[in-house]
C-alpha atoms as a PDB file:
ATOM      1  CA  MET A   1       5.868  -9.844  20.279  1.00  0.00           C
ATOM      2  CA  SER A   2       3.061  -9.237  22.764  1.00  0.00           C
ATOM      3  CA  HIS A   3       1.119  -6.461  21.070  1.00  0.00           C
ATOM      4  CA  PHE A   4       0.800  -4.551  17.840  1.00  0.00           C
ATOM      5  CA  ILE A   5      -1.751  -2.180  16.389  1.00  0.00           C
ATOM      6  CA  THR A   6      -2.737  -2.119  12.752  1.00  0.00           C
ATOM      7  CA  GLN A   7      -5.220   0.433  11.429  1.00  0.00           C
ATOM      8  CA  PHE A   8      -6.733   0.528   7.981  1.00  0.00           C
ATOM      9  CA  SER A   9      -8.579   3.221   6.019  1.00  0.00           C
ATOM     10  CA  SER A  10      -9.708   3.154   2.395  1.00  0.00           C
ATOM     11  CA  ILE A  11     -10.707   5.328  -0.533  1.00  0.00           C
ATOM     12  CA  SER A  12     -12.193   4.865  -4.001  1.00  0.00           C
ATOM     13  CA  VAL A  13     -10.392   6.023  -7.128  1.00  0.00           C
ATOM     14  CA  ALA A  14     -12.010   7.162 -10.385  1.00  0.00           C
ATOM     15  CA  ALA A  15     -10.604   4.297 -12.450  1.00  0.00           C
ATOM     16  CA  GLY A  16     -12.293   1.756 -10.233  1.00  0.00           C
ATOM     17  CA  VAL A  17     -12.104   0.514  -6.696  1.00  0.00           C
ATOM     18  CA  ALA A  18      -8.830   0.557  -4.805  1.00  0.00           C
ATOM     19  CA  ILE A  19      -7.937   0.325  -1.155  1.00  0.00           C
ATOM     20  CA  LEU A  20      -5.751   2.767   0.670  1.00  0.00           C
ATOM     21  CA  PHE A  21      -4.255   1.073   3.691  1.00  0.00           C
ATOM     22  CA  ALA A  22      -3.200   3.477   6.409  1.00  0.00           C
ATOM     23  CA  LEU A  23      -1.381   1.023   8.613  1.00  0.00           C
ATOM     24  CA  SER A  24       0.628   1.699  11.686  1.00  0.00           C
ATOM     25  CA  ALA A  25       2.153  -0.725  14.140  1.00  0.00           C
ATOM     26  CA  SER A  26       3.607  -0.614  17.607  1.00  0.00           C
ATOM     27  CA  ALA A  27       4.995  -3.346  19.790  1.00  0.00           C
ATOM     28  CA  ALA A  28       5.916  -3.868  23.382  1.00  0.00           C
ATOM     29  CA  PRO A  29       9.541  -2.810  23.933  1.00  0.00           C
ATOM     30  CA  THR A  30      11.965  -5.440  22.702  1.00  0.00           C
ATOM     31  CA  ALA A  31      15.602  -5.550  21.764  1.00  0.00           C
ATOM     32  CA  ALA A  32      14.567  -5.440  18.117  1.00  0.00           C
ATOM     33  CA  GLN A  33      13.161  -1.944  18.555  1.00  0.00           C
ATOM     34  CA  SER A  34      16.651  -0.520  18.831  1.00  0.00           C
ATOM     35  CA  HIS A  35      16.862  -1.235  15.094  1.00  0.00           C
ATOM     36  CA  ALA A  36      13.479   0.344  14.287  1.00  0.00           C
ATOM     37  CA  SER A  37      14.956   2.764  11.773  1.00  0.00           C
ATOM     38  CA  THR A  38      17.013   0.101  10.012  1.00  0.00           C
ATOM     39  CA  ILE A  39      15.586  -1.406   6.834  1.00  0.00           C
ATOM     40  CA  SER A  40      15.799  -5.173   6.693  1.00  0.00           C
ATOM     41  CA  VAL A  41      17.555  -6.359   3.549  1.00  0.00           C
ATOM     42  CA  ALA A  42      16.694  -9.706   1.997  1.00  0.00           C
ATOM     43  CA  PRO A  43      19.770 -11.581   0.800  1.00  0.00           C
ATOM     44  CA  ALA A  44      20.199 -12.550  -2.832  1.00  0.00           C
ATOM     45  CA  GLY A  45      19.109 -16.067  -3.656  1.00  0.00           C
ATOM     46  CA  THR A  46      16.070 -18.000  -2.445  1.00  0.00           C
ATOM     47  CA  VAL A  47      14.500 -16.438   0.646  1.00  0.00           C
ATOM     48  CA  LEU A  48      11.870 -18.457   2.513  1.00  0.00           C
ATOM     49  CA  ILE A  49       9.115 -16.248   3.905  1.00  0.00           C
ATOM     50  CA  GLY A  50       6.536 -18.901   4.785  1.00  0.00           C
ATOM     51  CA  GLY A  51       7.427 -22.524   5.410  1.00  0.00           C
ATOM     52  CA  PHE A  52       4.821 -22.934   8.165  1.00  0.00           C
ATOM     53  CA  GLU A  53       6.781 -25.579  10.024  1.00  0.00           C
ATOM     54  CA  GLY A  54       6.750 -23.731  13.355  1.00  0.00           C
ATOM     55  CA  LYS A  55       4.041 -22.742  15.812  1.00  0.00           C
ATOM     56  CA  ALA A  56       0.872 -20.702  15.686  1.00  0.00           C
ATOM     57  CA  THR A  57       0.708 -18.096  18.454  1.00  0.00           C
ATOM     58  CA  PRO A  58      -2.693 -17.113  19.896  1.00  0.00           C
ATOM     59  CA  ASN A  59      -3.308 -13.410  20.413  1.00  0.00           C
ATOM     60  CA  LYS A  60      -6.331 -12.133  22.346  1.00  0.00           C
ATOM     61  CA  GLN A  61      -6.895  -9.122  20.119  1.00  0.00           C
ATOM     62  CA  TYR A  62      -5.819 -10.353  16.689  1.00  0.00           C
ATOM     63  CA  GLY A  63      -6.432 -14.075  16.789  1.00  0.00           C
ATOM     64  CA  THR A  64      -3.685 -16.352  15.522  1.00  0.00           C
ATOM     65  CA  LEU A  65      -0.218 -15.141  14.534  1.00  0.00           C
ATOM     66  CA  VAL A  66       2.384 -17.226  12.722  1.00  0.00           C
ATOM     67  CA  LEU A  67       5.709 -15.590  13.501  1.00  0.00           C
ATOM     68  CA  SER A  68       8.841 -16.240  11.479  1.00  0.00           C
ATOM     69  CA  HIS A  69      11.245 -18.804  12.836  1.00  0.00           C
ATOM     70  CA  GLY A  70      14.416 -20.546  11.785  1.00  0.00           C
ATOM     71  CA  HIS A  71      15.614 -19.275   8.422  1.00  0.00           C
ATOM     72  CA  GLU A  72      12.377 -17.510   7.458  1.00  0.00           C
ATOM     73  CA  PHE A  73      12.688 -13.837   6.522  1.00  0.00           C
ATOM     74  CA  GLY A  74      10.453 -11.110   7.959  1.00  0.00           C
ATOM     75  CA  TRP A  75       8.273 -10.667  11.014  1.00  0.00           C
ATOM     76  CA  GLY A  76       5.582 -13.175  10.127  1.00  0.00           C
ATOM     77  CA  TRP A  77       1.930 -13.606   9.200  1.00  0.00           C
ATOM     78  CA  SER A  78      -1.430 -12.407  10.528  1.00  0.00           C
ATOM     79  CA  THR A  79      -5.014 -12.165   9.327  1.00  0.00           C
ATOM     80  CA  THR A  80      -6.186  -9.057   7.484  1.00  0.00           C
ATOM     81  CA  THR A  81      -9.793  -8.049   6.758  1.00  0.00           C
ATOM     82  CA  ASP A  82     -11.827  -5.007   5.806  1.00  0.00           C
ATOM     83  CA  GLN A  83     -13.139  -4.856   9.391  1.00  0.00           C
ATOM     84  CA  MET A  84     -10.188  -2.569  10.116  1.00  0.00           C
ATOM     85  CA  ALA A  85     -11.762  -0.067   7.722  1.00  0.00           C
ATOM     86  CA  GLY A  86     -15.370  -0.573   8.763  1.00  0.00           C
ATOM     87  CA  GLY A  87     -16.220  -3.690   6.738  1.00  0.00           C
ATOM     88  CA  HIS A  88     -17.676  -6.980   7.895  1.00  0.00           C
ATOM     89  CA  SER A  89     -15.524  -9.698   6.283  1.00  0.00           C
ATOM     90  CA  VAL A  90     -13.859 -12.279   8.507  1.00  0.00           C
ATOM     91  CA  ALA A  91     -10.749 -14.463   8.277  1.00  0.00           C
ATOM     92  CA  SER A  92      -8.790 -16.895  10.409  1.00  0.00           C
ATOM     93  CA  ILE A  93      -5.518 -18.762   9.985  1.00  0.00           C
ATOM     94  CA  ALA A  94      -4.296 -22.105  11.285  1.00  0.00           C
ATOM     95  CA  LEU A  95      -1.420 -24.481  10.677  1.00  0.00           C
ATOM     96  CA  ILE A  96      -2.369 -27.783   9.041  1.00  0.00           C
ATOM     97  CA  HIS A  97      -0.500 -31.018   8.357  1.00  0.00           C
ATOM     98  CA  PRO A  98       0.805 -32.232   5.991  1.00  0.00           C
ATOM     99  CA  GLY A  99       1.763 -29.471   3.590  1.00  0.00           C
ATOM    100  CA  ALA A 100       2.380 -29.345  -0.142  1.00  0.00           C
ATOM    101  CA  ASP A 101       4.849 -31.544  -1.988  1.00  0.00           C
ATOM    102  CA  GLY A 102       5.660 -33.645   1.086  1.00  0.00           C
ATOM    103  CA  THR A 103       6.319 -30.839   3.567  1.00  0.00           C
ATOM    104  CA  HIS A 104       5.329 -31.122   7.214  1.00  0.00           C
ATOM    105  CA  GLY A 105       2.905 -28.207   7.431  1.00  0.00           C
ATOM    106  CA  ALA A 106       1.030 -25.468   5.616  1.00  0.00           C
ATOM    107  CA  LEU A 107      -1.070 -22.403   6.427  1.00  0.00           C
ATOM    108  CA  ARG A 108      -4.861 -22.589   6.104  1.00  0.00           C
ATOM    109  CA  VAL A 109      -6.709 -19.310   5.553  1.00  0.00           C
ATOM    110  CA  SER A 110     -10.495 -19.387   5.811  1.00  0.00           C
ATOM    111  CA  GLY A 111     -13.280 -16.893   6.182  1.00  0.00           C
ATOM    112  CA  GLU A 112     -16.059 -15.052   4.419  1.00  0.00           C
ATOM    113  CA  ILE A 113     -16.203 -11.948   2.256  1.00  0.00           C
ATOM    114  CA  LYS A 114     -19.298 -10.032   3.361  1.00  0.00           C
ATOM    115  CA  ALA A 115     -21.180  -7.229   1.666  1.00  0.00           C
ATOM    116  CA  GLY A 116     -21.413  -3.775   3.163  1.00  0.00           C
ATOM    117  CA  PHE A 117     -17.944  -2.375   2.487  1.00  0.00           C
ATOM    118  CA  PRO A 118     -18.108   0.013  -0.488  1.00  0.00           C
ATOM    119  CA  TYR A 119     -14.435   0.077  -1.528  1.00  0.00           C
ATOM    120  CA  GLY A 120     -13.800  -3.542  -2.417  1.00  0.00           C
ATOM    121  CA  PRO A 121     -14.082  -6.016   0.488  1.00  0.00           C
ATOM    122  CA  TRP A 122     -11.155  -8.264   1.375  1.00  0.00           C
ATOM    123  CA  ALA A 123     -10.126 -10.937   3.833  1.00  0.00           C
ATOM    124  CA  GLY A 124      -7.044 -13.117   4.008  1.00  0.00           C
ATOM    125  CA  VAL A 125      -3.540 -13.208   5.418  1.00  0.00           C
ATOM    126  CA  ILE A 126      -0.797 -10.564   5.467  1.00  0.00           C
ATOM    127  CA  TRP A 127       2.995 -10.969   5.637  1.00  0.00           C
ATOM    128  CA  PHE A 128       5.233  -8.268   7.082  1.00  0.00           C
ATOM    129  CA  PRO A 129       8.821  -8.380   5.763  1.00  0.00           C
ATOM    130  CA  GLY A 130      10.344  -6.006   8.318  1.00  0.00           C
ATOM    131  CA  ARG A 131      11.440  -6.637  11.882  1.00  0.00           C
ATOM    132  CA  GLU A 132       8.056  -5.396  13.072  1.00  0.00           C
ATOM    133  CA  PRO A 133       4.710  -4.874  11.291  1.00  0.00           C
ATOM    134  CA  MET A 134       4.845  -1.985   8.826  1.00  0.00           C
ATOM    135  CA  GLN A 135       8.608  -1.538   9.071  1.00  0.00           C
ATOM    136  CA  PRO A 136       9.966  -1.643   5.510  1.00  0.00           C
ATOM    137  CA  ALA A 137      12.270  -4.209   3.984  1.00  0.00           C
ATOM    138  CA  ASP A 138      14.510  -4.041   0.936  1.00  0.00           C
ATOM    139  CA  LEU A 139      13.526  -6.860  -1.418  1.00  0.00           C
ATOM    140  CA  SER A 140      15.215  -5.382  -4.488  1.00  0.00           C
ATOM    141  CA  ALA A 141      17.492  -8.414  -4.894  1.00  0.00           C
ATOM    142  CA  GLU A 142      14.469 -10.647  -5.531  1.00  0.00           C
ATOM    143  CA  HIS A 143      12.810 -11.242  -8.910  1.00  0.00           C
ATOM    144  CA  GLU A 144      10.129 -13.879  -8.372  1.00  0.00           C
ATOM    145  CA  LEU A 145       7.529 -14.896  -5.793  1.00  0.00           C
ATOM    146  CA  ASP A 146       6.955 -18.646  -5.601  1.00  0.00           C
ATOM    147  CA  PHE A 147       4.351 -20.482  -3.534  1.00  0.00           C
ATOM    148  CA  TRP A 148       2.118 -23.529  -3.416  1.00  0.00           C
ATOM    149  CA  ALA A 149      -1.637 -23.028  -3.017  1.00  0.00           C
ATOM    150  CA  ARG A 150      -4.932 -24.855  -3.170  1.00  0.00           C
ATOM    151  CA  GLY A 151      -8.436 -23.965  -2.072  1.00  0.00           C
ATOM    152  CA  THR A 152     -11.954 -22.953  -2.971  1.00  0.00           C
ATOM    153  CA  PRO A 153     -11.776 -22.560  -6.759  1.00  0.00           C
ATOM    154  CA  GLY A 154     -11.647 -18.989  -7.924  1.00  0.00           C
ATOM    155  CA  SER A 155      -9.520 -15.881  -8.296  1.00  0.00           C
ATOM    156  CA  TYR A 156      -7.554 -14.502  -5.360  1.00  0.00           C
ATOM    157  CA  ASN A 157      -5.590 -11.306  -4.935  1.00  0.00           C
ATOM    158  CA  LEU A 158      -1.986 -10.554  -4.106  1.00  0.00           C
ATOM    159  CA  MET A 159      -1.822  -7.093  -2.522  1.00  0.00           C
ATOM    160  CA  LEU A 160       1.494  -5.286  -2.155  1.00  0.00           C
ATOM    161  CA  ASP A 161       2.426  -2.056  -0.395  1.00  0.00           C
ATOM    162  CA  ALA A 162       5.794  -1.018  -1.779  1.00  0.00           C
ATOM    163  CA  GLY A 163       7.143   2.503  -1.912  1.00  0.00           C
ATOM    164  CA  ALA A 164       5.295   4.445   0.779  1.00  0.00           C
ATOM    165  CA  PRO A 165       3.520   3.244   3.932  1.00  0.00           C
ATOM    166  CA  GLY A 166      -0.241   3.397   3.585  1.00  0.00           C
ATOM    167  CA  GLY A 167      -0.109   3.775  -0.188  1.00  0.00           C
ATOM    168  CA  ILE A 168      -2.697   2.311  -2.523  1.00  0.00           C
ATOM    169  CA  PRO A 169      -1.730  -1.351  -2.802  1.00  0.00           C
ATOM    170  CA  LEU A 170      -0.642  -2.902  -6.068  1.00  0.00           C
ATOM    171  CA  TYR A 171      -2.566  -5.966  -7.209  1.00  0.00           C
ATOM    172  CA  ALA A 172      -1.793  -9.261  -8.902  1.00  0.00           C
ATOM    173  CA  HIS A 173      -4.041 -12.291  -9.166  1.00  0.00           C
ATOM    174  CA  PHE A 174      -3.868 -16.072  -9.035  1.00  0.00           C
ATOM    175  CA  VAL A 175      -6.514 -18.773  -9.524  1.00  0.00           C
ATOM    176  CA  THR A 176      -6.786 -21.702  -7.144  1.00  0.00           C
ATOM    177  CA  THR A 177      -7.899 -25.284  -7.660  1.00  0.00           C
ATOM    178  CA  PRO A 178      -8.760 -27.933  -5.049  1.00  0.00           C
ATOM    179  CA  GLN A 179      -5.377 -29.590  -5.638  1.00  0.00           C
ATOM    180  CA  TRP A 180      -1.983 -28.232  -4.663  1.00  0.00           C
ATOM    181  CA  LYS A 181      -0.395 -26.202  -7.441  1.00  0.00           C
ATOM    182  CA  GLU A 182       2.899 -24.317  -7.600  1.00  0.00           C
ATOM    183  CA  TYR A 183       2.749 -20.655  -8.644  1.00  0.00           C
ATOM    184  CA  HIS A 184       5.498 -18.396  -9.997  1.00  0.00           C
ATOM    185  CA  ILE A 185       4.856 -14.639  -9.948  1.00  0.00           C
ATOM    186  CA  ALA A 186       7.335 -12.500 -11.897  1.00  0.00           C
ATOM    187  CA  LEU A 187       7.692  -9.428  -9.701  1.00  0.00           C
ATOM    188  CA  ALA A 188       8.686  -6.963 -12.424  1.00  0.00           C
ATOM    189  CA  THR A 189       5.806  -8.083 -14.655  1.00  0.00           C
ATOM    190  CA  ASP A 190       3.018  -8.437 -12.098  1.00  0.00           C
ATOM    191  CA  PHE A 191       4.004  -5.441  -9.956  1.00  0.00           C
ATOM    192  CA  PRO A 192       5.658  -3.151 -12.529  1.00  0.00           C
ATOM    193  CA  ASN A 193       5.437   0.038 -10.434  1.00  0.00           C
ATOM    194  CA  ALA A 194       6.637  -1.346  -7.113  1.00  0.00           C
ATOM    195  CA  ASN A 195       9.562   0.152  -5.239  1.00  0.00           C
ATOM    196  CA  TRP A 196      11.190  -3.026  -3.975  1.00  0.00           C
ATOM    197  CA  LYS A 197      13.578  -1.135  -1.719  1.00  0.00           C
ATOM    198  CA  HIS A 198      10.676  -0.253   0.582  1.00  0.00           C
ATOM    199  CA  VAL A 199       8.179  -3.101   0.962  1.00  0.00           C
ATOM    200  CA  TYR A 200       5.740  -2.860   3.862  1.00  0.00           C
ATOM    201  CA  TYR A 201       3.527  -5.889   3.357  1.00  0.00           C
ATOM    202  CA  LEU A 202       2.306  -8.584   0.997  1.00  0.00           C
ATOM    203  CA  ALA A 203      -1.204  -9.979   1.436  1.00  0.00           C
ATOM    204  CA  PHE A 204      -3.032 -12.984  -0.003  1.00  0.00           C
ATOM    205  CA  SER A 205      -6.728 -12.133  -0.108  1.00  0.00           C
ATOM    206  CA  ALA A 206     -10.082 -13.425  -1.252  1.00  0.00           C
ATOM    207  CA  GLY A 207     -12.129 -10.829  -3.068  1.00  0.00           C
ATOM    208  CA  ASN A 208     -15.426 -12.422  -4.078  1.00  0.00           C
ATOM    209  CA  LEU A 209     -18.484 -12.449  -1.827  1.00  0.00           C
ATOM    210  CA  GLY A 210     -19.037 -15.664   0.092  1.00  0.00           C
ATOM    211  CA  LYS A 211     -17.113 -18.191   2.108  1.00  0.00           C
ATOM    212  CA  PHE A 212     -13.590 -19.164   1.101  1.00  0.00           C
ATOM    213  CA  ARG A 213     -10.697 -21.335   2.128  1.00  0.00           C
ATOM    214  CA  PHE A 214      -7.200 -21.584   0.736  1.00  0.00           C
ATOM    215  CA  ASP A 215      -3.935 -23.143   1.853  1.00  0.00           C
ATOM    216  CA  LEU A 216      -0.429 -21.768   1.360  1.00  0.00           C
ATOM    217  CA  ASP A 217       2.945 -23.436   1.620  1.00  0.00           C
ATOM    218  CA  GLN A 218       6.609 -22.870   0.738  1.00  0.00           C
ATOM    219  CA  VAL A 219       6.200 -19.155   0.042  1.00  0.00           C
ATOM    220  CA  SER A 220       9.564 -17.813  -1.092  1.00  0.00           C
ATOM    221  CA  LEU A 221      11.291 -15.042  -2.979  1.00  0.00           C
ATOM    222  CA  HIS A 222      14.314 -15.372  -5.213  1.00  0.00           C
END
């Protein structure tokens, strides 16, 4: 993967603030593009989507990418911020060692949520489950999202686009502590309106103004 383009736009809804991601992605021609119209299907059972035992890949335009390797499912991970919709928040990702529960590595996400974006600022990391960014994947065989996290204490957001590309994301929340903690998110309960046959992305995001840092490890679906 040498290049991709992701564009964001946002709107406000009457019931409160929501974000409408209008994302599109393109890549330099690769063999994988011959399957561009094919939906990736996650197998039943435990599916690792972020073990963070591989390499971080520098990208001149988008900073660091952590692409899937080995038995990990999906395209991989990248930063996401409201800058793509005119905001000012910043984020960066890096691999750190050791990880949670005795693993070799983990993903560190750090940055700052800045004022000036009227629709709910965000900054964090985004995972694309398809073969390329914003290509859908069928995750309907999965029932739970599990991960380890630690970081600046506070509430963080899980943001899911499932059903239609560029739709208003669905939200769930988790609260971090400075120590590693394992989290279990029941998909049907926390994302009751998601269409798991067409998942475009899952993001882990800070939402409160100020600097933040959180670490992720052993992110999986089952």
